[in-house]
Amino acid sequence: MAQLLPNNFGFTSEQNIATYDYVDLQEGTGSVDYYLANLYDKDGAIYALTGNDGLNSFSKGTSVQGGHVNFPEETLTEYDFDLAPFNLPKTIKGTAYINLHLAMSSSAENDANITMAAFLYKYDGSTETLIVSGSSQAVTEDVGAGTEVLATIAFPLTIANEIKFKKGEQLRLTLSSTPAGGSGTQNYNIGTDPANRAYGSISPSNSKIIIPYLLDI
């Protein structure tokens, strides 16, 4: 098993600037947790990635499907969650992990079913360059009429090659969902609160992506 070290492990070769949530010495990577956040400014909703687990989102949950009645299988609106521009060059490589907390509800007794897909991009403010994509298994829960059920989705994204980011470039996570079948009006929400406040039955609500950075050691 690879050796894992705890939080805030710094390296002198990086001038003690970088800190990591997990360090894998065997793989030579330091991983950082970035939480999904739903924020608002004067222009409307902002979907962001942040390492600040004390941030209270404007909305603790984000709908990835809502209000469909007897819907066929379909892909719904995508959401782009952007990390702030890098202040220093960065390199990522290894296995990233998606961890989503999801609430499913229905107006009728039925099986709620949904698949989540993730796309990781390098973004320069205008152009997206795909790094890797992947999807979860279908999540199916027996949902009673007027009730809400919590599910957790986790799946890996393998970044096989070194991906270098220049100063000013960003990491973008795009999420999309594909619900299938069911009767009644169904609703699906993912937790988007870094501070992990309860949102209906979504507790925990701090959905995140874990990104592996290549260490200079």
N, C-alpha and C. Protein backbone atom coordinates (compact mmCIF):
# COMPACT_ATOMS: atom_id res chain seq x y z
N MET A 1 0.85 -1.19 0.00
CA MET A 1 0.00 0.00 0.00
C MET A 1 0.88 1.24 0.00
N ALA A 2 0.50 2.25 -0.78
CA ALA A 2 1.27 3.49 -0.84
C ALA A 2 1.20 4.20 0.51
N GLN A 3 2.32 4.84 0.89
CA GLN A 3 2.38 5.55 2.15
C GLN A 3 1.64 6.87 2.05
N LEU A 4 0.71 7.10 2.97
CA LEU A 4 -0.06 8.33 2.98
C LEU A 4 0.34 9.16 4.20
N LEU A 5 0.55 10.43 4.00
CA LEU A 5 0.90 11.33 5.09
C LEU A 5 -0.23 12.32 5.30
N PRO A 6 -0.37 12.89 6.51
CA PRO A 6 -1.50 13.77 6.80
C PRO A 6 -1.36 15.15 6.18
N ASN A 7 -2.28 16.03 6.60
CA ASN A 7 -2.42 17.37 6.03
C ASN A 7 -1.16 18.22 6.14
N ASN A 8 -1.09 19.24 5.26
CA ASN A 8 -0.11 20.31 5.38
C ASN A 8 1.33 19.82 5.36
N PHE A 9 1.62 18.96 4.40
CA PHE A 9 2.98 18.45 4.23
C PHE A 9 3.63 19.27 3.14
N GLY A 10 4.65 20.05 3.48
CA GLY A 10 5.28 20.94 2.51
C GLY A 10 6.63 20.43 2.07
N PHE A 11 7.14 20.95 0.96
CA PHE A 11 8.42 20.55 0.41
C PHE A 11 9.26 21.80 0.17
N THR A 12 10.52 21.75 0.59
CA THR A 12 11.38 22.92 0.42
C THR A 12 11.60 23.24 -1.04
N SER A 13 11.56 22.22 -1.91
CA SER A 13 11.76 22.48 -3.34
C SER A 13 10.63 23.31 -3.92
N GLU A 14 9.49 23.35 -3.21
CA GLU A 14 8.38 24.19 -3.64
C GLU A 14 8.31 25.45 -2.79
N GLN A 15 9.39 25.74 -2.08
CA GLN A 15 9.51 26.95 -1.28
C GLN A 15 8.44 27.04 -0.21
N ASN A 16 7.98 25.85 0.25
CA ASN A 16 6.98 25.77 1.31
C ASN A 16 5.69 26.51 0.99
N ILE A 17 5.42 26.74 -0.28
CA ILE A 17 4.19 27.43 -0.66
C ILE A 17 3.02 26.45 -0.69
N ALA A 18 3.23 25.26 -1.24
CA ALA A 18 2.13 24.32 -1.45
C ALA A 18 1.88 23.49 -0.20
N THR A 19 0.61 23.28 0.10
CA THR A 19 0.20 22.33 1.13
C THR A 19 -0.82 21.39 0.51
N TYR A 20 -0.87 20.18 1.05
CA TYR A 20 -1.70 19.14 0.46
C TYR A 20 -2.54 18.46 1.54
N ASP A 21 -3.71 17.99 1.14
CA ASP A 21 -4.56 17.24 2.06
C ASP A 21 -4.03 15.83 2.25
N TYR A 22 -3.43 15.27 1.20
CA TYR A 22 -2.86 13.93 1.26
C TYR A 22 -1.59 13.92 0.42
N VAL A 23 -0.57 13.18 0.88
CA VAL A 23 0.66 13.03 0.11
C VAL A 23 0.93 11.55 -0.08
N ASP A 24 1.19 11.16 -1.32
CA ASP A 24 1.52 9.78 -1.67
C ASP A 24 2.97 9.78 -2.16
N LEU A 25 3.90 9.40 -1.29
CA LEU A 25 5.31 9.44 -1.64
C LEU A 25 5.66 8.44 -2.72
N GLN A 26 4.97 7.30 -2.72
CA GLN A 26 5.26 6.28 -3.73
C GLN A 26 4.90 6.77 -5.12
N GLU A 27 3.80 7.48 -5.23
CA GLU A 27 3.37 8.01 -6.52
C GLU A 27 3.95 9.38 -6.81
N GLY A 28 4.50 10.04 -5.80
CA GLY A 28 5.06 11.37 -6.00
C GLY A 28 4.02 12.43 -6.24
N THR A 29 2.87 12.28 -5.58
CA THR A 29 1.79 13.24 -5.77
C THR A 29 1.32 13.79 -4.43
N GLY A 30 0.84 15.01 -4.48
CA GLY A 30 0.15 15.63 -3.35
C GLY A 30 -1.25 15.99 -3.78
N SER A 31 -2.25 15.52 -3.05
CA SER A 31 -3.64 15.71 -3.46
C SER A 31 -4.30 16.82 -2.66
N VAL A 32 -5.17 17.56 -3.34
CA VAL A 32 -5.89 18.67 -2.72
C VAL A 32 -7.39 18.45 -2.92
N ASP A 33 -8.15 18.66 -1.84
CA ASP A 33 -9.61 18.59 -1.90
C ASP A 33 -10.17 19.94 -2.34
N TYR A 34 -10.97 19.93 -3.41
CA TYR A 34 -11.66 21.13 -3.85
C TYR A 34 -13.16 20.88 -3.75
N TYR A 35 -13.85 21.75 -3.01
CA TYR A 35 -15.27 21.58 -2.75
C TYR A 35 -16.11 22.34 -3.79
N LEU A 36 -17.25 21.76 -4.13
CA LEU A 36 -18.17 22.41 -5.05
C LEU A 36 -18.95 23.48 -4.30
N ALA A 37 -19.01 24.67 -4.87
CA ALA A 37 -19.71 25.80 -4.23
C ALA A 37 -20.67 26.44 -5.22
N ASN A 38 -21.81 26.87 -4.70
CA ASN A 38 -22.83 27.57 -5.49
C ASN A 38 -22.94 28.97 -4.91
N LEU A 39 -22.39 29.94 -5.63
CA LEU A 39 -22.32 31.32 -5.15
C LEU A 39 -23.17 32.22 -6.05
N TYR A 40 -23.40 33.44 -5.60
CA TYR A 40 -24.15 34.41 -6.40
C TYR A 40 -23.48 35.77 -6.31
N ASP A 41 -23.46 36.49 -7.43
CA ASP A 41 -23.12 37.91 -7.43
C ASP A 41 -24.23 38.65 -8.16
N LYS A 42 -24.00 39.91 -8.51
CA LYS A 42 -25.05 40.72 -9.14
C LYS A 42 -25.51 40.17 -10.49
N ASP A 43 -24.67 39.33 -11.12
CA ASP A 43 -25.00 38.78 -12.43
C ASP A 43 -25.65 37.40 -12.34
N GLY A 44 -25.75 36.84 -11.13
CA GLY A 44 -26.41 35.54 -10.98
C GLY A 44 -25.50 34.48 -10.39
N ALA A 45 -25.82 33.21 -10.69
CA ALA A 45 -25.14 32.08 -10.07
C ALA A 45 -23.70 31.93 -10.55
N ILE A 46 -22.82 31.57 -9.63
CA ILE A 46 -21.43 31.24 -9.93
C ILE A 46 -21.15 29.87 -9.35
N TYR A 47 -20.69 28.95 -10.18
CA TYR A 47 -20.35 27.60 -9.72
C TYR A 47 -18.82 27.53 -9.64
N ALA A 48 -18.32 27.23 -8.45
CA ALA A 48 -16.89 27.35 -8.21
C ALA A 48 -16.34 26.12 -7.51
N LEU A 49 -15.02 25.96 -7.61
CA LEU A 49 -14.26 25.00 -6.81
C LEU A 49 -13.43 25.80 -5.82
N THR A 50 -13.39 25.35 -4.57
CA THR A 50 -12.61 26.05 -3.56
C THR A 50 -12.01 25.07 -2.57
N GLY A 51 -10.83 25.40 -2.09
CA GLY A 51 -10.22 24.60 -1.05
C GLY A 51 -10.61 25.06 0.35
N ASN A 52 -11.43 26.09 0.44
CA ASN A 52 -11.85 26.68 1.71
C ASN A 52 -13.07 25.94 2.24
N ASP A 53 -12.86 25.05 3.22
CA ASP A 53 -13.99 24.27 3.74
C ASP A 53 -14.80 25.04 4.79
N GLY A 54 -14.50 26.32 4.98
CA GLY A 54 -15.29 27.16 5.86
C GLY A 54 -16.25 28.05 5.10
N LEU A 55 -16.24 27.95 3.77
CA LEU A 55 -17.09 28.81 2.93
C LEU A 55 -18.54 28.32 2.97
N ASN A 56 -19.46 29.24 3.30
CA ASN A 56 -20.89 28.95 3.26
C ASN A 56 -21.43 29.32 1.89
N SER A 57 -21.90 28.34 1.13
CA SER A 57 -22.47 28.63 -0.18
C SER A 57 -23.77 29.41 -0.03
N PHE A 58 -24.08 30.20 -1.05
CA PHE A 58 -25.39 30.87 -1.10
C PHE A 58 -26.49 29.82 -1.12
N SER A 59 -26.29 28.77 -1.92
CA SER A 59 -27.22 27.65 -1.97
C SER A 59 -26.47 26.39 -1.58
N LYS A 60 -26.98 25.70 -0.55
CA LYS A 60 -26.30 24.51 -0.04
C LYS A 60 -26.50 23.30 -0.95
N GLY A 61 -27.42 23.41 -1.89
CA GLY A 61 -27.65 22.33 -2.85
C GLY A 61 -27.90 22.89 -4.23
N THR A 62 -27.58 22.12 -5.26
CA THR A 62 -27.77 22.54 -6.64
C THR A 62 -28.56 21.48 -7.37
N SER A 63 -29.65 21.88 -8.00
CA SER A 63 -30.49 20.93 -8.73
C SER A 63 -29.81 20.46 -10.00
N VAL A 64 -29.69 19.15 -10.17
CA VAL A 64 -29.18 18.61 -11.42
C VAL A 64 -30.31 18.01 -12.25
N GLN A 65 -31.51 18.02 -11.70
CA GLN A 65 -32.72 17.62 -12.41
C GLN A 65 -33.89 17.98 -11.54
N GLY A 66 -34.91 18.55 -12.13
CA GLY A 66 -36.07 18.87 -11.32
C GLY A 66 -37.33 19.08 -12.15
N GLY A 67 -38.45 18.62 -11.61
CA GLY A 67 -39.74 18.94 -12.18
C GLY A 67 -40.17 18.12 -13.38
N HIS A 68 -39.45 17.07 -13.71
CA HIS A 68 -39.84 16.27 -14.87
C HIS A 68 -40.91 15.25 -14.47
N VAL A 69 -41.89 15.09 -15.31
CA VAL A 69 -42.97 14.15 -15.05
C VAL A 69 -42.90 13.02 -16.08
N ASN A 70 -42.77 11.77 -15.57
CA ASN A 70 -42.69 10.59 -16.45
C ASN A 70 -41.67 10.81 -17.57
N PHE A 71 -40.50 11.28 -17.19
CA PHE A 71 -39.52 11.70 -18.19
C PHE A 71 -38.82 10.51 -18.84
N PRO A 72 -38.45 10.64 -20.11
CA PRO A 72 -37.61 9.63 -20.74
C PRO A 72 -36.16 9.84 -20.33
N GLU A 73 -35.29 8.93 -20.72
CA GLU A 73 -33.87 9.10 -20.43
C GLU A 73 -33.35 10.32 -21.20
N GLU A 74 -32.59 11.17 -20.52
CA GLU A 74 -32.11 12.38 -21.16
C GLU A 74 -30.91 12.92 -20.40
N THR A 75 -30.09 13.70 -21.10
CA THR A 75 -28.97 14.37 -20.46
C THR A 75 -29.38 15.80 -20.14
N LEU A 76 -29.13 16.23 -18.92
CA LEU A 76 -29.59 17.52 -18.47
C LEU A 76 -28.50 18.58 -18.56
N THR A 77 -28.84 19.80 -18.19
CA THR A 77 -27.92 20.93 -18.29
C THR A 77 -26.62 20.65 -17.55
N GLU A 78 -25.51 21.03 -18.16
CA GLU A 78 -24.21 20.87 -17.53
C GLU A 78 -23.91 22.06 -16.62
N TYR A 79 -23.12 21.79 -15.58
CA TYR A 79 -22.64 22.84 -14.70
C TYR A 79 -21.12 22.88 -14.74
N ASP A 80 -20.56 24.08 -14.88
CA ASP A 80 -19.11 24.26 -14.89
C ASP A 80 -18.68 24.82 -13.53
N PHE A 81 -17.86 24.07 -12.81
CA PHE A 81 -17.30 24.51 -11.54
C PHE A 81 -15.84 24.87 -11.77
N ASP A 82 -15.49 26.15 -11.60
CA ASP A 82 -14.16 26.65 -11.93
C ASP A 82 -13.34 26.95 -10.69
N LEU A 83 -12.09 26.51 -10.72
CA LEU A 83 -11.11 26.90 -9.72
C LEU A 83 -10.57 28.28 -10.09
N ALA A 84 -10.20 29.09 -9.11
CA ALA A 84 -9.61 30.39 -9.40
C ALA A 84 -8.33 30.22 -10.21
N PRO A 85 -7.95 31.18 -11.03
CA PRO A 85 -6.72 31.07 -11.83
C PRO A 85 -5.50 30.80 -10.95
N PHE A 86 -4.62 29.94 -11.44
CA PHE A 86 -3.40 29.63 -10.71
C PHE A 86 -2.49 30.84 -10.66
N ASN A 87 -1.88 31.06 -9.49
CA ASN A 87 -0.90 32.14 -9.34
C ASN A 87 0.51 31.69 -9.70
N LEU A 88 0.71 30.36 -9.74
CA LEU A 88 2.00 29.77 -10.08
C LEU A 88 1.76 28.61 -11.04
N PRO A 89 2.74 28.24 -11.85
CA PRO A 89 2.59 27.06 -12.70
C PRO A 89 2.34 25.81 -11.85
N LYS A 90 1.50 24.91 -12.35
CA LYS A 90 1.18 23.68 -11.64
C LYS A 90 1.17 22.52 -12.63
N THR A 91 1.40 21.31 -12.12
CA THR A 91 1.33 20.10 -12.94
C THR A 91 0.49 19.07 -12.20
N ILE A 92 -0.49 18.48 -12.90
CA ILE A 92 -1.30 17.44 -12.30
C ILE A 92 -1.07 16.12 -13.03
N LYS A 93 -1.14 15.03 -12.29
CA LYS A 93 -1.01 13.69 -12.85
C LYS A 93 -1.41 12.70 -11.76
N GLY A 94 -2.06 11.60 -12.18
CA GLY A 94 -2.46 10.58 -11.21
C GLY A 94 -3.95 10.35 -11.27
N THR A 95 -4.52 9.95 -10.15
CA THR A 95 -5.94 9.63 -10.09
C THR A 95 -6.68 10.70 -9.31
N ALA A 96 -7.62 11.35 -9.98
CA ALA A 96 -8.54 12.27 -9.31
C ALA A 96 -9.78 11.49 -8.89
N TYR A 97 -10.48 12.01 -7.88
CA TYR A 97 -11.68 11.33 -7.40
C TYR A 97 -12.83 12.32 -7.30
N ILE A 98 -13.99 11.89 -7.80
CA ILE A 98 -15.23 12.65 -7.68
C ILE A 98 -16.02 12.06 -6.52
N ASN A 99 -16.50 12.92 -5.62
CA ASN A 99 -17.29 12.47 -4.47
C ASN A 99 -18.49 13.41 -4.33
N LEU A 100 -19.67 12.92 -4.72
CA LEU A 100 -20.87 13.74 -4.74
C LEU A 100 -21.90 13.21 -3.75
N HIS A 101 -22.54 14.13 -3.02
CA HIS A 101 -23.64 13.79 -2.12
C HIS A 101 -24.93 14.24 -2.78
N LEU A 102 -25.85 13.32 -2.95
CA LEU A 102 -27.01 13.51 -3.82
C LEU A 102 -28.30 13.19 -3.08
N ALA A 103 -29.31 14.04 -3.22
CA ALA A 103 -30.64 13.78 -2.70
C ALA A 103 -31.59 13.52 -3.85
N MET A 104 -32.42 12.47 -3.72
CA MET A 104 -33.38 12.11 -4.76
C MET A 104 -34.77 12.08 -4.14
N SER A 105 -35.73 12.68 -4.82
CA SER A 105 -37.10 12.69 -4.31
C SER A 105 -38.07 12.49 -5.46
N SER A 106 -39.31 12.13 -5.12
CA SER A 106 -40.32 11.87 -6.14
C SER A 106 -41.70 12.10 -5.55
N SER A 107 -42.62 12.52 -6.41
CA SER A 107 -44.01 12.71 -5.97
C SER A 107 -44.78 11.40 -5.99
N ALA A 108 -44.18 10.35 -6.55
CA ALA A 108 -44.85 9.05 -6.64
C ALA A 108 -43.89 7.95 -6.21
N GLU A 109 -44.43 6.84 -5.76
CA GLU A 109 -43.63 5.69 -5.36
C GLU A 109 -42.96 5.09 -6.60
N ASN A 110 -41.62 5.07 -6.62
CA ASN A 110 -40.94 4.51 -7.79
C ASN A 110 -39.45 4.42 -7.51
N ASP A 111 -38.72 3.84 -8.46
CA ASP A 111 -37.27 3.79 -8.39
C ASP A 111 -36.69 5.02 -9.06
N ALA A 112 -35.96 5.83 -8.29
CA ALA A 112 -35.26 6.98 -8.86
C ALA A 112 -33.90 6.50 -9.36
N ASN A 113 -33.53 6.92 -10.54
CA ASN A 113 -32.32 6.41 -11.18
C ASN A 113 -31.57 7.56 -11.85
N ILE A 114 -30.26 7.66 -11.57
CA ILE A 114 -29.49 8.73 -12.18
C ILE A 114 -28.03 8.31 -12.33
N THR A 115 -27.39 8.80 -13.39
CA THR A 115 -25.96 8.62 -13.63
C THR A 115 -25.32 9.99 -13.73
N MET A 116 -24.18 10.18 -13.06
CA MET A 116 -23.46 11.45 -13.12
C MET A 116 -22.20 11.28 -13.96
N ALA A 117 -21.91 12.27 -14.79
CA ALA A 117 -20.70 12.28 -15.61
C ALA A 117 -19.86 13.50 -15.25
N ALA A 118 -18.53 13.33 -15.32
CA ALA A 118 -17.61 14.42 -14.98
C ALA A 118 -16.61 14.61 -16.10
N PHE A 119 -16.30 15.87 -16.41
CA PHE A 119 -15.32 16.23 -17.43
C PHE A 119 -14.36 17.23 -16.79
N LEU A 120 -13.07 16.94 -16.87
CA LEU A 120 -12.06 17.82 -16.29
C LEU A 120 -11.34 18.53 -17.43
N TYR A 121 -11.27 19.86 -17.34
CA TYR A 121 -10.69 20.66 -18.40
C TYR A 121 -9.57 21.56 -17.88
N LYS A 122 -8.64 21.90 -18.78
CA LYS A 122 -7.78 23.06 -18.60
C LYS A 122 -8.49 24.22 -19.31
N TYR A 123 -8.61 25.35 -18.61
CA TYR A 123 -9.41 26.47 -19.11
C TYR A 123 -8.60 27.75 -19.02
N ASP A 124 -8.52 28.49 -20.13
CA ASP A 124 -7.72 29.72 -20.14
C ASP A 124 -8.58 30.98 -20.12
N GLY A 125 -9.86 30.82 -19.83
CA GLY A 125 -10.78 31.94 -19.81
C GLY A 125 -11.66 32.01 -21.03
N SER A 126 -11.27 31.30 -22.09
CA SER A 126 -12.08 31.27 -23.31
C SER A 126 -12.13 29.89 -23.95
N THR A 127 -11.07 29.11 -23.81
CA THR A 127 -10.98 27.80 -24.48
C THR A 127 -10.82 26.68 -23.45
N GLU A 128 -11.63 25.63 -23.62
CA GLU A 128 -11.52 24.44 -22.79
C GLU A 128 -10.68 23.39 -23.52
N THR A 129 -9.78 22.74 -22.80
CA THR A 129 -9.03 21.61 -23.33
C THR A 129 -9.30 20.42 -22.41
N LEU A 130 -9.94 19.39 -22.96
CA LEU A 130 -10.33 18.24 -22.15
C LEU A 130 -9.11 17.48 -21.65
N ILE A 131 -9.08 17.20 -20.35
CA ILE A 131 -8.02 16.42 -19.74
C ILE A 131 -8.45 14.97 -19.60
N VAL A 132 -9.64 14.74 -19.01
CA VAL A 132 -10.14 13.39 -18.78
C VAL A 132 -11.63 13.48 -18.49
N SER A 133 -12.34 12.40 -18.74
CA SER A 133 -13.76 12.33 -18.42
C SER A 133 -14.09 10.95 -17.89
N GLY A 134 -15.21 10.84 -17.22
CA GLY A 134 -15.66 9.56 -16.68
C GLY A 134 -17.06 9.70 -16.14
N SER A 135 -17.66 8.59 -15.74
CA SER A 135 -19.02 8.63 -15.22
C SER A 135 -19.20 7.59 -14.12
N SER A 136 -20.22 7.80 -13.33
CA SER A 136 -20.56 6.88 -12.26
C SER A 136 -21.39 5.73 -12.79
N GLN A 137 -21.56 4.71 -11.97
CA GLN A 137 -22.57 3.72 -12.25
C GLN A 137 -23.93 4.35 -12.01
N ALA A 138 -24.96 3.77 -12.60
CA ALA A 138 -26.31 4.26 -12.33
C ALA A 138 -26.64 4.04 -10.87
N VAL A 139 -27.18 5.07 -10.24
CA VAL A 139 -27.60 4.97 -8.85
C VAL A 139 -29.11 4.86 -8.82
N THR A 140 -29.61 3.79 -8.24
CA THR A 140 -31.05 3.55 -8.18
C THR A 140 -31.48 3.40 -6.73
N GLU A 141 -32.49 4.15 -6.33
CA GLU A 141 -33.02 4.08 -4.98
C GLU A 141 -34.53 3.98 -5.03
N ASP A 142 -35.09 3.20 -4.11
CA ASP A 142 -36.54 3.09 -3.97
C ASP A 142 -37.03 4.29 -3.17
N VAL A 143 -37.70 5.20 -3.85
CA VAL A 143 -38.12 6.45 -3.23
C VAL A 143 -39.63 6.43 -3.03
N GLY A 144 -40.07 6.65 -1.80
CA GLY A 144 -41.49 6.71 -1.53
C GLY A 144 -42.07 8.05 -1.94
N ALA A 145 -43.37 8.08 -2.16
CA ALA A 145 -44.03 9.31 -2.59
C ALA A 145 -43.83 10.41 -1.55
N GLY A 146 -43.34 11.55 -2.01
CA GLY A 146 -43.14 12.69 -1.14
C GLY A 146 -41.97 12.58 -0.20
N THR A 147 -41.09 11.61 -0.41
CA THR A 147 -39.93 11.44 0.46
C THR A 147 -38.64 11.76 -0.30
N GLU A 148 -37.55 11.88 0.45
CA GLU A 148 -36.26 12.19 -0.13
C GLU A 148 -35.24 11.18 0.39
N VAL A 149 -34.39 10.68 -0.51
CA VAL A 149 -33.40 9.67 -0.16
C VAL A 149 -32.01 10.21 -0.49
N LEU A 150 -31.05 9.95 0.39
CA LEU A 150 -29.68 10.40 0.19
C LEU A 150 -28.85 9.29 -0.44
N ALA A 151 -28.02 9.66 -1.41
CA ALA A 151 -27.08 8.72 -2.02
C ALA A 151 -25.74 9.41 -2.17
N THR A 152 -24.67 8.63 -2.12
CA THR A 152 -23.32 9.15 -2.33
C THR A 152 -22.73 8.50 -3.56
N ILE A 153 -22.16 9.33 -4.43
CA ILE A 153 -21.55 8.86 -5.67
C ILE A 153 -20.05 9.14 -5.60
N ALA A 154 -19.25 8.14 -5.91
CA ALA A 154 -17.79 8.31 -5.93
C ALA A 154 -17.22 7.50 -7.08
N PHE A 155 -16.35 8.14 -7.88
CA PHE A 155 -15.70 7.42 -8.97
C PHE A 155 -14.40 8.12 -9.33
N PRO A 156 -13.44 7.36 -9.91
CA PRO A 156 -12.12 7.93 -10.22
C PRO A 156 -12.05 8.50 -11.64
N LEU A 157 -11.09 9.41 -11.82
CA LEU A 157 -10.72 9.94 -13.13
C LEU A 157 -9.20 9.81 -13.23
N THR A 158 -8.72 8.99 -14.16
CA THR A 158 -7.28 8.75 -14.26
C THR A 158 -6.63 9.73 -15.22
N ILE A 159 -5.72 10.55 -14.69
CA ILE A 159 -4.97 11.52 -15.49
C ILE A 159 -3.64 10.86 -15.82
N ALA A 160 -3.55 10.25 -17.00
CA ALA A 160 -2.41 9.39 -17.33
C ALA A 160 -1.14 10.17 -17.63
N ASN A 161 -1.29 11.36 -18.20
CA ASN A 161 -0.12 12.14 -18.60
C ASN A 161 0.00 13.40 -17.75
N GLU A 162 1.19 13.96 -17.73
CA GLU A 162 1.39 15.22 -17.02
C GLU A 162 0.64 16.35 -17.74
N ILE A 163 -0.17 17.08 -16.99
CA ILE A 163 -0.90 18.22 -17.53
C ILE A 163 -0.37 19.47 -16.85
N LYS A 164 0.25 20.34 -17.62
CA LYS A 164 0.89 21.53 -17.07
C LYS A 164 -0.03 22.74 -17.23
N PHE A 165 -0.16 23.48 -16.14
CA PHE A 165 -0.94 24.71 -16.12
C PHE A 165 0.01 25.90 -16.00
N LYS A 166 -0.23 26.91 -16.81
CA LYS A 166 0.52 28.15 -16.71
C LYS A 166 -0.15 29.07 -15.69
N LYS A 167 0.59 30.04 -15.22
CA LYS A 167 0.01 31.06 -14.37
C LYS A 167 -1.19 31.70 -15.09
N GLY A 168 -2.31 31.82 -14.41
CA GLY A 168 -3.50 32.43 -15.01
C GLY A 168 -4.48 31.43 -15.59
N GLU A 169 -4.06 30.19 -15.82
CA GLU A 169 -4.98 29.17 -16.33
C GLU A 169 -5.77 28.58 -15.17
N GLN A 170 -6.87 27.91 -15.52
CA GLN A 170 -7.77 27.39 -14.51
C GLN A 170 -8.07 25.92 -14.72
N LEU A 171 -8.50 25.29 -13.64
CA LEU A 171 -9.03 23.93 -13.68
C LEU A 171 -10.55 24.02 -13.67
N ARG A 172 -11.20 23.34 -14.59
CA ARG A 172 -12.67 23.37 -14.67
C ARG A 172 -13.22 21.95 -14.55
N LEU A 173 -14.19 21.78 -13.66
CA LEU A 173 -14.93 20.53 -13.55
C LEU A 173 -16.33 20.75 -14.08
N THR A 174 -16.72 19.98 -15.10
CA THR A 174 -18.06 20.04 -15.64
C THR A 174 -18.82 18.78 -15.24
N LEU A 175 -20.00 18.95 -14.66
CA LEU A 175 -20.84 17.84 -14.25
C LEU A 175 -22.11 17.83 -15.09
N SER A 176 -22.52 16.64 -15.50
CA SER A 176 -23.81 16.48 -16.16
C SER A 176 -24.47 15.24 -15.60
N SER A 177 -25.78 15.15 -15.80
CA SER A 177 -26.53 14.03 -15.23
C SER A 177 -27.47 13.43 -16.25
N THR A 178 -27.72 12.15 -16.10
CA THR A 178 -28.66 11.44 -16.97
C THR A 178 -29.60 10.63 -16.09
N PRO A 179 -30.81 11.14 -15.84
CA PRO A 179 -31.81 10.35 -15.11
C PRO A 179 -32.54 9.42 -16.08
N ALA A 180 -33.19 8.41 -15.55
CA ALA A 180 -33.87 7.45 -16.43
C ALA A 180 -35.11 6.91 -15.73
N GLY A 181 -36.20 6.84 -16.51
CA GLY A 181 -37.41 6.17 -16.05
C GLY A 181 -38.07 6.84 -14.87
N GLY A 182 -38.94 6.09 -14.21
CA GLY A 182 -39.63 6.58 -13.03
C GLY A 182 -40.95 7.25 -13.37
N SER A 183 -41.81 7.34 -12.37
CA SER A 183 -43.09 7.99 -12.54
C SER A 183 -43.20 9.15 -11.58
N GLY A 184 -44.19 9.99 -11.80
CA GLY A 184 -44.34 11.16 -10.96
C GLY A 184 -43.32 12.22 -11.29
N THR A 185 -43.25 13.24 -10.44
CA THR A 185 -42.29 14.32 -10.61
C THR A 185 -41.08 14.03 -9.74
N GLN A 186 -39.91 13.93 -10.38
CA GLN A 186 -38.70 13.58 -9.67
C GLN A 186 -37.74 14.78 -9.61
N ASN A 187 -36.98 14.85 -8.50
CA ASN A 187 -36.02 15.91 -8.32
C ASN A 187 -34.71 15.34 -7.79
N TYR A 188 -33.60 15.88 -8.30
CA TYR A 188 -32.27 15.44 -7.88
C TYR A 188 -31.45 16.68 -7.55
N ASN A 189 -30.78 16.66 -6.39
CA ASN A 189 -29.94 17.78 -5.98
C ASN A 189 -28.61 17.25 -5.44
N ILE A 190 -27.52 17.94 -5.78
CA ILE A 190 -26.23 17.60 -5.21
C ILE A 190 -25.85 18.65 -4.17
N GLY A 191 -25.15 18.20 -3.12
CA GLY A 191 -24.69 19.13 -2.10
C GLY A 191 -23.57 20.00 -2.65
N THR A 192 -23.69 21.31 -2.44
CA THR A 192 -22.67 22.26 -2.94
C THR A 192 -22.32 23.26 -1.84
N ASP A 193 -22.09 22.76 -0.63
CA ASP A 193 -21.75 23.64 0.48
C ASP A 193 -20.43 23.21 1.10
N PRO A 194 -19.34 23.94 0.84
CA PRO A 194 -18.04 23.58 1.42
C PRO A 194 -18.07 23.48 2.94
N ALA A 195 -18.92 24.31 3.60
CA ALA A 195 -19.01 24.31 5.06
C ALA A 195 -19.78 23.12 5.60
N ASN A 196 -20.39 22.33 4.70
CA ASN A 196 -21.02 21.06 5.07
C ASN A 196 -22.25 21.23 5.97
N ARG A 197 -23.05 22.26 5.70
CA ARG A 197 -24.32 22.41 6.41
C ARG A 197 -25.36 21.49 5.79
N ALA A 198 -26.28 21.00 6.60
CA ALA A 198 -27.32 20.11 6.10
C ALA A 198 -28.23 20.86 5.13
N TYR A 199 -28.65 20.17 4.07
CA TYR A 199 -29.58 20.73 3.08
C TYR A 199 -30.64 19.67 2.81
N GLY A 200 -31.79 19.80 3.49
CA GLY A 200 -32.78 18.74 3.42
C GLY A 200 -32.16 17.46 3.95
N SER A 201 -32.23 16.41 3.15
CA SER A 201 -31.61 15.14 3.56
C SER A 201 -30.15 15.06 3.13
N ILE A 202 -29.62 16.10 2.45
CA ILE A 202 -28.22 16.04 2.02
C ILE A 202 -27.33 16.42 3.20
N SER A 203 -26.82 15.43 3.85
CA SER A 203 -25.88 15.62 4.94
C SER A 203 -25.02 14.36 5.03
N PRO A 204 -23.74 14.46 4.61
CA PRO A 204 -22.98 15.68 4.32
C PRO A 204 -23.40 16.34 3.01
N SER A 205 -23.04 17.62 2.89
CA SER A 205 -23.38 18.38 1.68
C SER A 205 -22.14 18.90 0.98
N ASN A 206 -20.95 18.51 1.43
CA ASN A 206 -19.69 19.06 0.88
C ASN A 206 -19.13 18.16 -0.23
N SER A 207 -19.83 18.13 -1.35
CA SER A 207 -19.34 17.39 -2.51
C SER A 207 -17.99 17.95 -2.94
N LYS A 208 -17.12 17.09 -3.49
CA LYS A 208 -15.77 17.58 -3.81
C LYS A 208 -15.14 16.76 -4.92
N ILE A 209 -14.03 17.29 -5.43
CA ILE A 209 -13.13 16.56 -6.32
C ILE A 209 -11.75 16.61 -5.68
N ILE A 210 -11.04 15.50 -5.73
CA ILE A 210 -9.67 15.40 -5.19
C ILE A 210 -8.71 15.39 -6.37
N ILE A 211 -7.80 16.38 -6.41
CA ILE A 211 -6.90 16.55 -7.55
C ILE A 211 -5.47 16.20 -7.13
N PRO A 212 -4.78 15.33 -7.93
CA PRO A 212 -3.39 14.98 -7.62
C PRO A 212 -2.40 15.89 -8.35
N TYR A 213 -1.56 16.58 -7.58
CA TYR A 213 -0.51 17.42 -8.13
C TYR A 213 0.81 16.66 -8.10
N LEU A 214 1.57 16.82 -9.16
CA LEU A 214 2.88 16.17 -9.23
C LEU A 214 3.86 16.95 -8.35
N LEU A 215 4.54 16.22 -7.46
CA LEU A 215 5.47 16.87 -6.53
C LEU A 215 6.87 16.97 -7.14
N ASP A 216 7.54 18.03 -6.81
CA ASP A 216 8.93 18.24 -7.26
C ASP A 216 9.86 17.76 -6.15
N ILE A 217 10.07 16.41 -6.12
CA ILE A 217 10.91 15.83 -5.06
C ILE A 217 11.95 14.91 -5.67
